[in-house]
Protein backbone atom coordinates (compact mmCIF):
# COMPACT_ATOMS: atom_id res chain seq x y z
CA MET A 1 22.33 82.73 -50.39
CA LYS A 2 22.73 86.47 -49.73
CA GLN A 3 25.86 87.58 -47.91
CA SER A 4 23.84 88.89 -44.94
CA ASN A 5 22.11 85.54 -44.52
CA ARG A 6 25.44 83.75 -44.83
CA ASP A 7 26.89 85.95 -42.06
CA ASP A 8 23.87 85.33 -39.85
CA GLN A 9 24.22 81.59 -40.33
CA LYS A 10 27.90 81.71 -39.35
CA PHE A 11 27.04 83.73 -36.25
CA ILE A 12 24.43 81.16 -35.20
CA GLU A 13 26.89 78.32 -35.68
CA LEU A 14 29.46 80.21 -33.61
CA VAL A 15 26.96 80.72 -30.77
CA VAL A 16 26.07 77.03 -30.79
CA ARG A 17 29.72 76.03 -30.55
CA CYS A 18 30.29 78.40 -27.65
CA LEU A 19 27.23 77.22 -25.74
CA ASN A 20 28.17 73.60 -26.43
CA GLY A 21 31.57 74.21 -24.89
CA LEU A 22 33.35 73.41 -28.19
CA ALA A 23 34.64 76.89 -29.03
CA SER A 24 38.36 77.60 -29.19
CA ASN A 25 39.89 80.64 -27.56
CA GLU A 26 39.95 82.32 -30.94
CA GLU A 27 36.23 81.63 -31.47
CA LEU A 28 35.41 82.97 -28.01
CA ARG A 29 37.30 86.18 -28.82
CA SER A 30 35.47 86.35 -32.17
CA LEU A 31 32.08 86.06 -30.49
CA GLU A 32 33.07 88.67 -27.95
CA GLU A 33 34.08 91.03 -30.73
CA HIS A 34 30.75 90.49 -32.52
CA LEU A 35 28.89 91.36 -29.33
CA ARG A 36 31.00 94.42 -28.60
CA SER A 37 30.56 95.90 -32.07
CA ASP A 38 27.06 94.89 -33.16
CA GLY A 39 24.05 95.82 -31.03
CA GLU A 40 21.73 93.61 -33.09
CA LYS A 41 23.87 90.58 -32.36
CA VAL A 42 23.83 91.42 -28.65
CA LYS A 43 20.03 91.45 -28.75
CA THR A 44 19.92 88.26 -30.79
CA TYR A 45 22.32 86.47 -28.47
CA ASN A 46 20.59 87.54 -25.25
CA ASP A 47 17.10 86.85 -26.62
CA LEU A 48 18.32 83.47 -27.79
CA CYS A 49 19.74 82.57 -24.39
CA LEU A 50 16.62 83.84 -22.66
CA HIS A 51 14.38 81.61 -24.74
CA VAL A 52 16.31 78.49 -23.81
CA HIS A 53 16.80 79.51 -20.19
CA LEU A 54 20.58 79.93 -20.35
CA LEU A 55 20.63 83.39 -18.80
CA GLU A 56 20.79 83.44 -15.01
CA ASP A 57 17.72 84.78 -13.18
CA ASP A 58 17.52 88.56 -12.82
CA ALA A 59 20.48 89.02 -15.17
CA GLU A 60 22.97 88.02 -12.45
CA LEU A 61 25.30 86.39 -14.93
CA SER A 62 28.16 84.31 -13.61
CA SER A 63 31.60 84.02 -15.17
CA ASN A 64 33.21 81.17 -17.05
CA THR A 65 36.94 81.03 -17.66
CA ASN A 66 38.41 79.19 -20.65
CA ALA A 67 41.55 77.13 -20.70
CA THR A 68 43.84 80.14 -20.71
CA GLY A 69 41.97 81.83 -17.87
CA SER A 70 40.44 84.66 -19.90
CA ALA A 71 36.83 85.52 -18.98
CA PHE A 72 34.25 85.94 -21.73
CA LYS A 73 32.44 89.30 -21.35
CA PRO A 74 30.11 90.13 -24.24
CA ALA A 75 28.93 93.64 -24.90
CA GLY A 76 25.67 94.77 -23.33
CA VAL A 77 26.04 92.76 -20.11
CA GLU A 78 27.99 93.86 -17.04
CA GLU A 79 29.05 90.43 -15.85
CA PRO A 80 30.60 87.55 -17.82
CA LEU A 81 28.30 85.06 -19.46
CA ARG A 82 28.49 81.42 -18.49
CA VAL A 83 29.36 79.13 -21.40
CA ARG A 84 28.10 75.66 -20.63
CA ALA A 85 30.37 72.72 -21.18
CA LYS A 86 27.60 70.49 -22.45
CA THR A 87 24.13 71.08 -23.77
CA SER A 88 21.34 68.58 -24.19
CA LYS A 89 20.05 67.68 -27.65
CA ARG A 90 16.67 69.20 -26.89
CA ARG A 91 18.25 72.44 -25.64
CA VAL A 92 20.47 72.75 -28.74
CA GLN A 93 17.46 72.07 -30.97
CA SER A 94 15.48 74.75 -29.20
CA LEU A 95 18.48 77.04 -29.36
CA MET A 96 18.86 76.69 -33.12
CA VAL A 97 15.16 77.08 -33.86
CA VAL A 98 14.76 80.20 -31.76
CA ALA A 99 17.99 81.66 -33.12
CA ALA A 100 16.77 81.18 -36.67
CA LEU A 101 13.50 82.87 -35.90
CA LEU A 102 15.14 85.80 -34.12
CA CYS A 103 17.65 86.39 -36.90
CA GLY A 104 14.89 86.24 -39.49
CA ILE A 105 16.79 83.94 -41.83
CA VAL A 106 14.91 80.69 -41.45
CA VAL A 107 11.19 80.03 -41.37
CA GLY A 108 10.20 76.42 -41.67
CA THR A 109 13.84 75.45 -42.33
CA VAL A 110 14.88 71.82 -42.09
CA ILE A 111 17.83 71.45 -39.70
CA THR A 112 20.01 68.37 -39.87
CA TRP A 113 21.22 67.03 -36.53
CA ASN A 114 24.28 64.79 -36.11
CA ARG A 115 25.59 63.10 -32.99
CA SER A 116 29.36 62.64 -32.82
CA GLY A 117 32.11 62.04 -30.31
CA ALA A 118 32.25 59.97 -27.18
CA ASP A 119 30.39 62.59 -25.13
CA GLY A 120 27.44 62.65 -27.55
CA LEU A 121 27.47 66.40 -28.20
CA VAL A 122 25.09 67.60 -30.90
CA THR A 123 26.01 69.70 -33.89
CA ALA A 124 23.71 71.35 -36.41
CA ARG A 125 23.90 72.08 -40.12
CA LEU A 126 21.63 74.64 -41.76
CA PRO A 127 20.66 74.07 -45.38
CA THR A 128 22.52 75.93 -48.09
CA SER A 129 19.39 77.80 -49.19
CA THR A 130 16.96 79.90 -47.17
CA LEU A 131 13.38 78.68 -47.33
CA HIS A 132 10.49 81.08 -46.69
CA ASP A 133 7.45 78.85 -46.30
CA ASP A 134 4.53 81.11 -45.46
CA ALA A 135 2.46 78.08 -44.48
CA PHE A 136 4.43 77.82 -41.25
CA LEU A 137 2.90 80.28 -38.79
CA ALA A 138 4.80 79.21 -35.69
CA THR A 139 7.37 76.77 -34.36
CA LEU A 140 7.02 74.14 -31.65
CA VAL A 141 9.99 75.15 -29.50
CA ASP A 142 9.81 72.82 -26.49
CA VAL A 143 7.78 69.84 -25.26
CA ASP A 144 7.76 68.66 -21.66
CA ASP A 145 8.87 65.09 -21.09
CA ASP A 146 5.53 64.23 -19.47
CA VAL A 147 3.29 65.60 -22.24
CA VAL A 148 0.33 63.41 -23.17
CA TRP A 149 -1.06 64.33 -26.59
CA SER A 150 -4.77 63.92 -27.27
CA LEU A 151 -5.70 60.99 -29.49
CA ASN A 152 -7.02 63.31 -32.20
CA HIS A 153 -3.94 65.57 -32.22
CA ASP A 154 -2.62 65.69 -35.78
CA MET A 155 -0.07 68.52 -35.61
CA PRO A 156 3.73 68.09 -35.19
CA ARG A 157 4.90 66.84 -31.80
CA VAL A 158 8.69 67.23 -32.10
CA PRO A 159 10.56 70.38 -31.00
CA GLY A 160 11.86 72.35 -33.96
CA LYS A 161 8.95 71.55 -36.27
CA GLY A 162 7.04 74.29 -38.04
CA LEU A 163 3.34 74.64 -37.26
CA LYS A 164 0.67 75.45 -39.82
CA LYS A 165 -2.87 76.52 -39.15
CA GLY A 166 -4.54 73.98 -36.87
CA TRP A 167 -5.19 72.80 -33.32
CA MET A 168 -2.71 71.80 -30.63
CA ARG A 169 -4.44 69.28 -28.34
CA LEU A 170 -2.99 68.24 -24.98
CA ASP A 171 -4.40 65.89 -22.38
CA SER A 172 -1.67 66.91 -19.92
CA GLY A 173 1.76 68.50 -19.74
CA ALA A 174 3.04 71.70 -21.32
CA ILE A 175 4.58 72.94 -24.57
CA ASP A 176 6.14 76.17 -25.79
CA ILE A 177 5.28 77.78 -29.14
CA THR A 178 6.96 80.75 -30.84
CA PHE A 179 4.94 82.54 -33.51
CA ARG A 180 6.60 84.11 -36.54
CA SER A 181 5.52 87.50 -35.19
CA GLY A 182 7.74 86.90 -32.15
CA ALA A 183 4.92 86.13 -29.71
CA THR A 184 5.59 83.19 -27.40
CA VAL A 185 2.95 80.97 -25.81
CA HIS A 186 3.38 78.49 -22.97
CA LEU A 187 0.43 76.10 -23.22
CA GLN A 188 -0.57 74.01 -20.20
CA GLY A 189 -2.79 70.97 -20.67
CA PRO A 190 -5.40 69.75 -20.72
CA ALA A 191 -5.83 72.25 -23.51
CA MET A 192 -7.10 72.88 -27.03
CA PHE A 193 -5.25 75.76 -28.67
CA GLY A 194 -5.74 76.90 -32.26
CA ILE A 195 -3.06 78.54 -34.41
CA ASP A 196 -4.86 80.89 -36.80
CA SER A 197 -2.16 83.25 -38.08
CA CYS A 198 1.13 84.84 -37.03
CA LEU A 199 -0.83 87.27 -34.86
CA ARG A 200 -3.95 85.32 -33.94
CA ALA A 201 -4.79 82.22 -31.94
CA THR A 202 -7.80 80.62 -30.25
CA LEU A 203 -8.02 79.06 -26.80
CA GLU A 204 -10.93 76.64 -26.57
CA TYR A 205 -9.91 75.49 -23.10
CA GLY A 206 -6.76 75.19 -21.01
CA GLY A 207 -4.17 77.66 -19.76
CA ILE A 208 -1.69 79.90 -21.56
CA ASP A 209 1.07 82.35 -20.65
CA VAL A 210 1.69 84.84 -23.46
CA TYR A 211 4.56 87.22 -24.10
CA ALA A 212 4.14 89.64 -27.00
CA PRO A 213 7.18 91.79 -27.83
CA GLU A 214 6.89 94.95 -29.91
CA SER A 215 6.95 92.92 -33.11
CA ALA A 216 3.81 91.09 -31.96
CA THR A 217 1.77 94.08 -30.76
CA SER A 218 -1.94 93.34 -31.30
CA PHE A 219 -1.37 89.59 -30.93
CA THR A 220 -4.90 88.31 -30.33
CA VAL A 221 -6.26 85.28 -28.54
CA ASN A 222 -9.91 84.43 -29.16
CA THR A 223 -12.26 82.51 -26.90
CA SER A 224 -15.90 81.67 -27.52
CA ALA A 225 -16.97 84.84 -25.67
CA MET A 226 -14.26 87.46 -26.24
CA GLN A 227 -10.96 88.51 -27.77
CA VAL A 228 -7.85 89.39 -25.81
CA VAL A 229 -5.74 91.88 -27.78
CA ASP A 230 -2.21 92.19 -26.47
CA LEU A 231 -0.76 95.69 -26.54
CA GLY A 232 2.82 94.57 -25.88
CA THR A 233 2.84 92.71 -22.60
CA ARG A 234 2.74 89.47 -20.64
CA PHE A 235 -0.59 87.97 -19.69
CA SER A 236 -2.09 84.67 -18.63
CA MET A 237 -5.47 83.19 -19.44
CA GLN A 238 -7.36 80.14 -18.25
CA VAL A 239 -10.52 78.88 -19.94
CA ASP A 240 -12.56 76.28 -18.08
CA GLY A 241 -13.43 73.37 -20.34
CA ASP A 242 -16.75 72.73 -18.60
CA SER A 243 -18.17 76.17 -17.77
CA GLY A 244 -16.43 78.15 -20.51
CA GLN A 245 -15.53 80.91 -18.01
CA ALA A 246 -12.29 82.71 -18.83
CA ASP A 247 -9.89 84.30 -16.35
CA VAL A 248 -7.34 86.82 -17.66
CA SER A 249 -4.53 88.41 -15.65
CA VAL A 250 -1.85 90.88 -16.75
CA SER A 251 1.63 90.73 -15.24
CA GLU A 252 3.20 93.41 -17.43
CA GLY A 253 1.91 96.04 -19.86
CA GLU A 254 -1.71 96.15 -21.03
CA VAL A 255 -4.35 94.18 -22.92
CA ASP A 256 -7.76 95.05 -24.33
CA LEU A 257 -10.67 92.70 -23.70
CA HIS A 258 -13.23 92.83 -26.51
CA VAL A 259 -16.22 91.47 -24.65
CA GLY A 260 -19.95 91.10 -25.24
CA ASN A 261 -21.88 89.94 -28.26
CA ALA A 262 -21.55 91.86 -31.51
CA GLY A 263 -24.18 94.58 -31.61
CA HIS A 264 -25.33 93.85 -28.06
CA ASN A 265 -23.41 95.22 -25.07
CA ALA A 266 -20.17 94.94 -27.06
CA SER A 267 -17.38 96.90 -25.40
CA ILE A 268 -13.64 97.14 -24.91
CA GLN A 269 -12.26 96.84 -21.38
CA SER A 270 -8.56 97.41 -20.81
CA LEU A 271 -6.53 95.53 -18.19
CA THR A 272 -3.23 96.90 -16.96
CA GLU A 273 -0.39 95.43 -14.92
CA GLY A 274 -1.64 93.70 -11.79
CA GLN A 275 -5.27 93.61 -12.93
CA SER A 276 -7.36 90.56 -13.75
CA ALA A 277 -10.89 89.78 -14.84
CA SER A 278 -13.32 86.88 -15.05
CA ILE A 279 -15.51 86.70 -18.17
CA GLY A 280 -18.67 84.62 -18.54
CA THR A 281 -19.75 82.61 -21.55
CA ALA A 282 -21.92 85.46 -22.88
CA GLY A 283 -19.00 87.88 -22.81
CA GLU A 284 -20.09 89.55 -19.58
CA ILE A 285 -17.40 90.63 -17.12
CA LEU A 286 -18.20 88.76 -13.92
CA GLU A 287 -15.53 90.49 -11.86
CA MET A 288 -12.52 92.75 -12.26
CA LEU A 289 -9.89 93.19 -9.61
CA GLY A 290 -6.47 94.70 -9.12
CA ARG A 291 -3.55 94.58 -6.75
CA THR A 292 -2.50 97.38 -4.43
CA ILE A 293 0.49 99.44 -5.49
CA GLU A 294 3.40 100.80 -3.48
CA GLY A 295 2.11 103.15 -0.80
CA ASP A 296 -1.36 101.56 -0.74
CA GLU A 297 -0.45 98.26 0.92
CA LYS A 298 -2.90 98.93 3.79
CA SER A 299 -5.79 99.80 1.51
CA VAL A 300 -9.02 97.86 1.82
CA GLY A 301 -10.14 98.97 -1.64
CA LEU A 302 -13.89 99.53 -1.45
CA LEU A 303 -14.44 101.58 1.71
CA ALA A 304 -18.15 102.22 1.32
CA ARG A 305 -21.01 101.67 -1.14
CA TRP A 306 -24.43 103.25 -0.87
CA SER A 307 -26.67 101.63 -3.50
CA PHE A 308 -29.98 103.02 -2.07
CA ASN A 309 -31.72 99.74 -2.85
CA GLU A 310 -33.23 99.40 0.64
CA LEU A 311 -35.59 102.33 0.04
CA ASP A 312 -39.01 101.78 -1.53
CA GLY A 313 -41.23 104.80 -1.91
CA LEU A 314 -41.09 107.83 0.37
CA ALA A 315 -38.22 108.14 2.83
CA GLN A 316 -38.58 109.64 6.28
CA ASP A 317 -36.15 111.95 8.00
CA GLY A 318 -33.59 109.76 9.78
CA ASP A 319 -34.19 106.63 7.68
CA VAL A 320 -31.05 104.52 7.41
CA ILE A 321 -29.13 104.36 4.13
CA GLU A 322 -27.08 101.20 4.31
CA ASP A 323 -23.47 100.81 3.33
CA SER A 324 -23.27 97.42 1.61
CA SER A 325 -19.49 97.15 2.08
CA PRO A 326 -18.16 95.27 5.15
CA HIS A 327 -17.32 98.56 6.90
CA GLY A 328 -20.80 99.65 7.95
CA LEU A 329 -20.62 103.35 7.11
CA ASN A 330 -24.39 103.74 7.18
CA GLY A 331 -25.96 107.14 6.61
CA ARG A 332 -29.31 108.74 7.40
CA ILE A 333 -31.84 110.67 5.35
CA LEU A 334 -31.59 114.40 6.02
CA ARG A 335 -34.32 116.85 5.12
CA SER A 336 -33.63 120.56 4.79
CA PRO A 337 -34.42 122.07 8.22
CA ASP A 338 -36.27 125.02 6.70
CA ASP A 339 -38.53 122.84 4.55
CA SER A 340 -40.11 119.98 6.47
CA GLN A 341 -42.44 119.21 3.59
CA ASN A 342 -39.78 118.24 1.06
CA GLU A 343 -40.09 114.71 -0.27
CA ILE A 344 -37.25 112.24 -0.62
CA ARG A 345 -38.17 109.06 -2.40
CA SER A 346 -36.78 106.05 -4.24
CA VAL A 347 -36.96 105.87 -8.03
CA ASP A 348 -35.91 103.28 -10.57
CA GLY A 349 -32.14 103.26 -10.93
CA LEU A 350 -29.69 101.43 -13.14
CA ASP A 351 -29.71 98.31 -10.99
CA GLY A 352 -32.52 98.45 -8.47
CA HIS A 353 -33.48 101.69 -6.75
CA ALA A 354 -31.93 105.15 -6.85
CA LEU A 355 -32.45 108.12 -4.53
CA ASP A 356 -34.44 111.14 -5.71
CA LEU A 357 -33.00 114.27 -4.05
CA THR A 358 -34.66 116.82 -6.33
CA ASP A 359 -36.50 118.38 -3.37
CA ARG A 360 -33.51 119.62 -1.31
CA GLY A 361 -32.73 116.34 0.41
CA ALA A 362 -29.43 114.72 1.42
CA VAL A 363 -27.81 111.77 3.17
CA ASP A 364 -25.87 112.53 6.35
CA LEU A 365 -22.65 110.53 6.89
CA SER A 366 -21.18 112.84 9.53
CA GLU A 367 -20.84 110.13 12.19
CA HIS A 368 -18.13 108.63 9.99
CA VAL A 369 -16.12 111.83 9.57
CA ASP A 370 -13.09 110.30 11.30
CA THR A 371 -12.92 107.51 8.72
CA LEU A 372 -13.78 109.52 5.62
CA GLY A 373 -11.82 112.55 6.81
CA ALA A 374 -8.63 110.47 7.03
CA LEU A 375 -8.54 109.72 3.30
CA SER A 376 -5.42 110.74 1.42
CA ASN A 377 -5.60 108.74 -1.81
CA PHE A 378 -9.19 107.98 -2.76
CA THR A 379 -11.82 107.46 -5.46
CA ILE A 380 -15.44 108.62 -5.43
CA THR A 381 -17.81 107.34 -8.13
CA ALA A 382 -21.54 107.77 -8.59
CA TRP A 383 -24.36 107.69 -11.12
CA ILE A 384 -26.33 110.96 -11.36
CA ARG A 385 -29.34 112.13 -13.36
CA ASN A 386 -30.56 115.71 -13.80
CA PRO A 387 -27.97 117.02 -11.32
CA GLU A 388 -27.95 120.67 -10.37
CA ASN A 389 -24.96 120.84 -8.08
CA MET A 390 -23.52 118.91 -5.13
CA ILE A 391 -22.69 115.18 -5.22
CA PHE A 392 -20.47 114.71 -2.15
CA SER A 393 -18.92 117.04 0.43
CA LEU A 394 -16.74 116.88 3.53
CA SER A 395 -16.35 120.11 5.50
CA ASP A 396 -16.39 122.06 8.74
CA ALA A 397 -20.10 122.84 8.09
CA MET A 398 -19.05 126.36 7.19
CA ASP A 399 -17.00 127.83 4.38
CA ARG A 400 -13.39 127.59 5.55
CA HIS A 401 -12.39 123.92 5.35
CA ARG A 402 -13.94 121.67 2.74
CA ILE A 403 -13.62 119.38 -0.23
CA GLN A 404 -16.55 118.80 -2.55
CA PHE A 405 -17.38 116.89 -5.72
CA GLU A 406 -20.06 118.56 -7.83
CA ARG A 407 -21.57 119.41 -11.16
CA HIS A 408 -21.43 123.15 -11.83
CA GLN A 409 -23.09 124.33 -15.01
CA ASP A 410 -21.28 122.52 -17.86
CA CYS A 411 -18.39 121.42 -15.65
CA LEU A 412 -17.49 118.54 -13.37
CA VAL A 413 -15.66 119.96 -10.36
CA TYR A 414 -13.46 118.90 -7.44
CA GLY A 415 -13.39 121.95 -5.17
CA PHE A 416 -11.33 122.58 -2.04
CA GLN A 417 -10.58 125.17 0.62
CA ASN A 418 -8.39 124.86 3.74
CA ASP A 419 -8.54 128.08 5.73
CA GLY A 420 -7.76 130.02 2.60
CA GLN A 421 -9.37 130.94 -0.68
CA TRP A 422 -11.58 128.60 -2.64
CA ASP A 423 -9.98 126.81 -5.59
CA ALA A 424 -11.02 123.92 -7.81
CA VAL A 425 -10.03 121.41 -10.45
CA ARG A 426 -12.77 121.54 -13.03
CA ALA A 427 -13.34 120.08 -16.46
CA VAL A 428 -15.76 121.33 -19.10
CA VAL A 429 -18.01 118.49 -20.26
CA ASP A 430 -18.52 118.37 -24.00
CA GLY A 431 -22.22 118.09 -24.79
CA GLY A 432 -23.30 119.26 -21.35
CA TRP A 433 -25.78 117.30 -19.26
CA ARG A 434 -28.82 115.96 -21.08
CA LYS A 435 -32.12 115.84 -19.30
CA ASP A 436 -33.22 112.45 -17.90
CA GLN A 437 -29.93 110.73 -18.82
CA TRP A 438 -27.83 108.83 -16.29
CA TYR A 439 -24.14 109.77 -16.17
CA HIS A 440 -21.31 107.97 -14.41
CA VAL A 441 -18.94 110.43 -12.72
CA ALA A 442 -15.73 109.85 -10.80
CA VAL A 443 -12.90 111.72 -9.10
CA THR A 444 -9.61 110.15 -8.03
CA MET A 445 -6.85 111.51 -5.80
CA ASN A 446 -3.41 109.95 -6.20
CA ASP A 447 -0.49 111.46 -4.26
CA GLY A 448 -1.94 114.94 -4.49
CA SER A 449 -3.08 114.68 -8.12
CA VAL A 450 -6.75 114.88 -9.11
CA THR A 451 -8.31 113.23 -12.17
CA LEU A 452 -11.92 113.71 -13.26
CA TYR A 453 -13.96 111.22 -15.31
CA ARG A 454 -17.38 111.04 -16.92
CA ASP A 455 -18.80 107.88 -18.48
CA GLY A 456 -15.48 106.08 -18.25
CA GLN A 457 -13.54 108.79 -20.10
CA THR A 458 -10.88 111.04 -18.59
CA LEU A 459 -11.99 114.67 -18.63
CA LEU A 460 -8.98 116.26 -16.95
CA GLY A 461 -5.91 115.26 -15.00
CA PRO A 462 -3.90 114.28 -13.25
CA ARG A 463 -3.65 117.83 -11.88
CA THR A 464 -1.94 118.96 -8.68
CA THR A 465 -3.23 122.56 -8.49
CA GLY A 466 -6.52 124.36 -8.87
CA VAL A 467 -7.38 126.00 -12.17
CA LEU A 468 -8.54 129.24 -10.53
CA LEU A 469 -5.63 130.26 -8.26
CA GLY A 470 -3.05 127.51 -8.68
CA THR A 471 -3.50 126.36 -5.09
CA PRO A 472 -2.17 122.86 -4.31
CA VAL A 473 -5.10 120.48 -4.19
CA GLN A 474 -6.36 119.53 -0.75
CA ARG A 475 -7.38 116.10 0.47
CA PRO A 476 -9.75 115.16 3.29
CA VAL A 477 -6.78 114.34 5.52
CA ASP A 478 -5.36 117.84 4.95
CA LEU A 479 -8.35 119.79 6.25
CA GLY A 480 -7.77 121.67 9.47
CA ARG A 481 -11.33 121.22 10.71
CA LYS A 482 -14.00 118.76 9.60
CA ASN A 483 -17.22 117.57 11.14
CA ARG A 484 -19.68 117.22 8.30
CA VAL A 485 -19.98 114.60 5.51
CA LEU A 486 -22.95 114.71 3.14
CA ILE A 487 -24.23 113.07 -0.04
CA GLY A 488 -26.19 115.48 -2.22
CA LYS A 489 -25.45 118.60 -0.21
CA ALA A 490 -22.76 121.03 1.03
CA ASP A 491 -23.20 123.46 3.92
CA ARG A 492 -22.33 127.13 3.99
CA SER A 493 -22.73 129.38 7.01
CA GLU A 494 -25.21 132.27 7.12
CA SER A 495 -22.33 134.69 7.74
CA ASP A 496 -20.63 133.51 4.53
CA SER A 497 -23.83 134.26 2.61
CA LEU A 498 -23.92 137.75 4.06
CA ARG A 499 -20.27 138.35 3.13
CA HIS A 500 -20.89 137.06 -0.42
CA PRO A 501 -24.21 138.42 -1.74
CA GLY A 502 -25.94 135.94 -3.99
CA TRP A 503 -24.49 132.90 -2.23
CA ILE A 504 -26.97 130.53 -0.66
CA PRO A 505 -26.29 128.85 2.71
CA GLU A 506 -26.60 125.38 1.26
CA GLN A 507 -25.88 123.71 -2.07
CA PHE A 508 -27.90 120.66 -3.11
CA LEU A 509 -27.68 118.00 -5.79
CA ASN A 510 -31.34 118.61 -6.62
CA GLY A 511 -31.27 115.53 -8.82
CA GLU A 512 -31.16 111.75 -8.63
CA ILE A 513 -28.23 109.64 -7.49
CA ASP A 514 -27.44 105.92 -7.61
CA ASP A 515 -24.67 103.63 -6.36
CA LEU A 516 -22.16 106.02 -4.79
CA GLN A 517 -18.88 104.21 -4.06
CA VAL A 518 -15.82 105.35 -2.11
CA TYR A 519 -12.42 103.61 -2.36
CA ASP A 520 -9.42 104.32 -0.14
CA LEU A 521 -7.03 104.39 -3.10
CA ALA A 522 -6.93 105.92 -6.55
CA LEU A 523 -8.39 103.60 -9.18
CA ASP A 524 -6.83 103.85 -12.63
CA ALA A 525 -8.65 104.63 -15.86
CA SER A 526 -9.30 100.99 -16.72
CA ALA A 527 -10.99 100.40 -13.36
CA ILE A 528 -13.15 103.52 -13.78
CA ARG A 529 -14.17 102.31 -17.24
CA TYR A 530 -15.08 98.92 -15.79
CA LEU A 531 -17.38 100.56 -13.22
CA HIS A 532 -19.00 102.62 -15.96
CA LEU A 533 -19.62 99.57 -18.16
CA ASN A 534 -20.89 97.46 -15.24
CA PRO A 535 -23.31 99.50 -13.10
CA ASP A 536 -23.99 96.58 -10.76
CA LYS A 537 -20.32 95.90 -9.96
CA THR A 538 -17.59 97.06 -7.61
CA TYR A 539 -13.86 96.92 -8.23
CA ARG A 540 -12.11 94.46 -5.93
CA VAL A 541 -8.59 95.11 -4.66
CA ILE A 542 -6.35 92.37 -3.27
CA PRO A 543 -3.05 92.80 -1.38
CA LYS A 544 0.09 92.83 -3.49
């Protein structure tokens, strides 16, 4: 055995004695010295205790005083560690197995257990040689007392046993598995869980909680309809044994969902902390939702959605455009006052009808200026085709106070003015705007920072100032005056046109628009990508 392995083995045995309450004062001082001088041993010790639930919650570690009254205070923790007087056989077994894995000296090692003494304490003896059995991909670390194994389960059932490639089958109860990569899985029955490699597993049905440290980045769990690729995080997944529907939620970090059938609607959807998704048996995302963050506790999420599906054929001036959200922010068709002959009509959209505004038309939402004008953090998304200019605007119907979201030449623009000079956050779009192609566009405002997106990709941001003059970005709530809210149009006064030759009094989309959504908080990049990949969906937000 190499000297390093021999030292690691001695350290493990010392930890076990301390946690069993068998250590002498000299051994306690020795362990303390190890932890003060060796950062790797501190990590090993704390990870070891964490795995067997010997650390107090939230790292509030309580003290334990030995016979001479000296408190044990290892390096790396502010408060003394508790050294338990007695430890159950199962806990010591789990302790030794996890310690061996963390130290990297034992994989598939046979550990001999002996019971001695009147109090029945357990001791452990590691073999004299280190065995590296690559057939063992993981270790069964813990088994609940009430576990009921399936009749056709043929894998090990005893804590401490190595696990090869195969299926873990539970009728009820829960078990804990640690993979050689460092990933840990808590499996809740009824469940059928396949161990494929050190970094890959399959969940046929049941529930799992997964933690993947840095060593297990890209740990992947397959289902029949998708792959969940862990990017260093904690996530949970439940697969229904009858319907096959999978629900994934992320409590920390990020995962990538590889959804859809190969070669047909295949895509990657990321989920970040607080987000969850439901995936159907064909790999389709049925729903994606997230939790509100600090500062957005009062958010309702989706504030308004105008899908334009109620129109069929020509629209008349004043026709109602319904808001399909619960908030009833309905709009009305608005024709240009100097052109009563312009036609506004429905056309085929991505999911139902879209609105054709190529003939100087708009939708008037001005009766809801109090609601929309109060937005601080927000998201605006829409699908547009053959756009010339304006997508959404909120203003004083002149040219002094306004925010507007528009396409301008080869750029996507969030413009603003608040009784001062005009400024804008704008991003050049690579490839321009192709004729007759639908594009998904979005702008988010988060604590005074603007981010622009097209087709689920970030174009620019977050940015807190305009690119023209460096003016701090303005939000609807900041505007000194506001009385006009429009889809597909922005107003300018006649006097402004006279002061600026070449300016026209009004700016129009002069294109087609579908499914414009407004949220009263800033969605993150993963939510924007979800809306791009799922044109018929909204993003649901639930209270934290």
